[in-house]
């Protein structure tokens, strides 16, 4: 069941990303450029507030995410132990 649910979630996410990509691509070039500029500015502001900069899979603009790292992403130094 978990594998089936995981595939279902991946398909739904891929579908949503594709739909949003189409919406972005329908906008005029000047509007896309304006939105990219705003996204870059907001990404810089949010990065200073402990958000992580990423690239949006739908439009390719700067975006941010927030959360706790887990798994292989956690890096510690000997001084922290």
Protein backbone atom coordinates (compact mmCIF):
# COMPACT_ATOMS: atom_id res chain seq x y z
CA UNK A 1 0.00 0.00 0.00
CA UNK A 2 2.80 2.41 0.82
CA UNK A 3 4.39 1.98 -2.62
CA UNK A 4 1.05 2.52 -4.36
CA UNK A 5 0.37 5.65 -2.28
CA UNK A 6 3.90 6.96 -2.97
CA UNK A 7 3.37 6.60 -6.73
CA UNK A 8 -0.03 8.27 -6.49
CA UNK A 9 1.47 11.23 -4.64
CA UNK A 10 4.28 11.55 -7.18
CA UNK A 11 1.80 11.53 -10.05
CA UNK A 12 -0.39 14.17 -8.40
CA UNK A 13 2.61 16.40 -7.70
CA UNK A 14 3.91 16.02 -11.27
CA UNK A 15 0.45 16.89 -12.58
CA UNK A 16 0.22 20.01 -10.42
CA UNK A 17 3.71 21.17 -11.44
CA UNK A 18 2.85 20.67 -15.13
CA UNK A 19 -0.39 22.64 -14.73
CA UNK A 20 1.36 25.55 -13.04
CA UNK A 21 4.10 25.49 -15.67
CA UNK A 22 1.46 25.91 -18.39
CA UNK A 23 -0.08 28.86 -16.53
CA UNK A 24 3.32 30.55 -16.22
CA UNK A 25 4.18 29.92 -19.87
CA UNK A 26 0.89 31.53 -21.00
CA UNK A 27 1.96 34.83 -19.46
CA UNK A 28 3.69 37.34 -21.69
CA UNK A 29 7.48 37.56 -21.68
CA UNK A 30 7.50 40.92 -19.86
CA UNK A 31 5.20 39.55 -17.14
CA UNK A 32 7.38 36.44 -16.78
CA UNK A 33 10.49 38.62 -16.46
CA UNK A 34 8.75 40.80 -13.86
CA UNK A 35 7.71 37.75 -11.86
CA UNK A 36 11.23 36.30 -12.03
CA UNK A 37 12.64 39.58 -10.72
CA UNK A 38 10.15 39.65 -7.85
CA UNK A 39 10.85 36.00 -7.04
CA UNK A 40 14.60 36.68 -6.92
CA UNK A 41 14.12 39.63 -4.57
CA UNK A 42 11.75 37.70 -2.31
CA UNK A 43 14.07 34.69 -2.35
CA UNK A 44 16.93 36.86 -1.11
CA UNK A 45 14.75 38.33 1.64
CA UNK A 46 13.48 34.93 2.77
CA UNK A 47 16.96 33.36 2.69
CA UNK A 48 17.93 35.85 5.39
CA UNK A 49 15.04 34.46 7.47
CA UNK A 50 16.30 30.86 7.51
CA UNK A 51 14.54 29.73 4.35
CA UNK A 52 16.41 27.68 1.77
CA UNK A 53 16.60 28.93 -1.81
CA UNK A 54 15.50 26.42 -4.44
CA UNK A 55 14.41 26.58 -8.06
CA UNK A 56 10.69 26.24 -8.73
CA UNK A 57 10.09 23.18 -10.92
CA UNK A 58 7.16 24.89 -12.66
CA UNK A 59 8.61 28.24 -13.70
CA UNK A 60 12.33 27.99 -13.00
CA UNK A 61 12.23 31.04 -10.72
CA UNK A 62 13.90 31.33 -7.35
CA UNK A 63 11.73 29.97 -4.58
CA UNK A 64 12.21 29.16 -0.93
CA UNK A 65 11.35 26.28 1.34
CA UNK A 66 11.53 25.93 5.07
CA UNK A 67 11.84 22.89 7.30
CA UNK A 68 14.17 20.62 9.15
CA UNK A 69 16.80 18.56 7.35
CA UNK A 70 16.73 14.81 7.80
CA UNK A 71 18.60 11.78 6.55
CA UNK A 72 21.80 12.26 4.60
CA UNK A 73 21.34 16.03 4.47
CA UNK A 74 22.28 16.46 8.14
CA UNK A 75 25.90 17.51 8.47
CA UNK A 76 27.55 17.96 11.85
CA UNK A 77 31.08 18.77 12.93
CA UNK A 78 33.01 17.10 15.73
CA UNK A 79 32.74 20.32 17.75
CA UNK A 80 28.94 19.97 17.97
CA UNK A 81 29.10 16.57 19.70
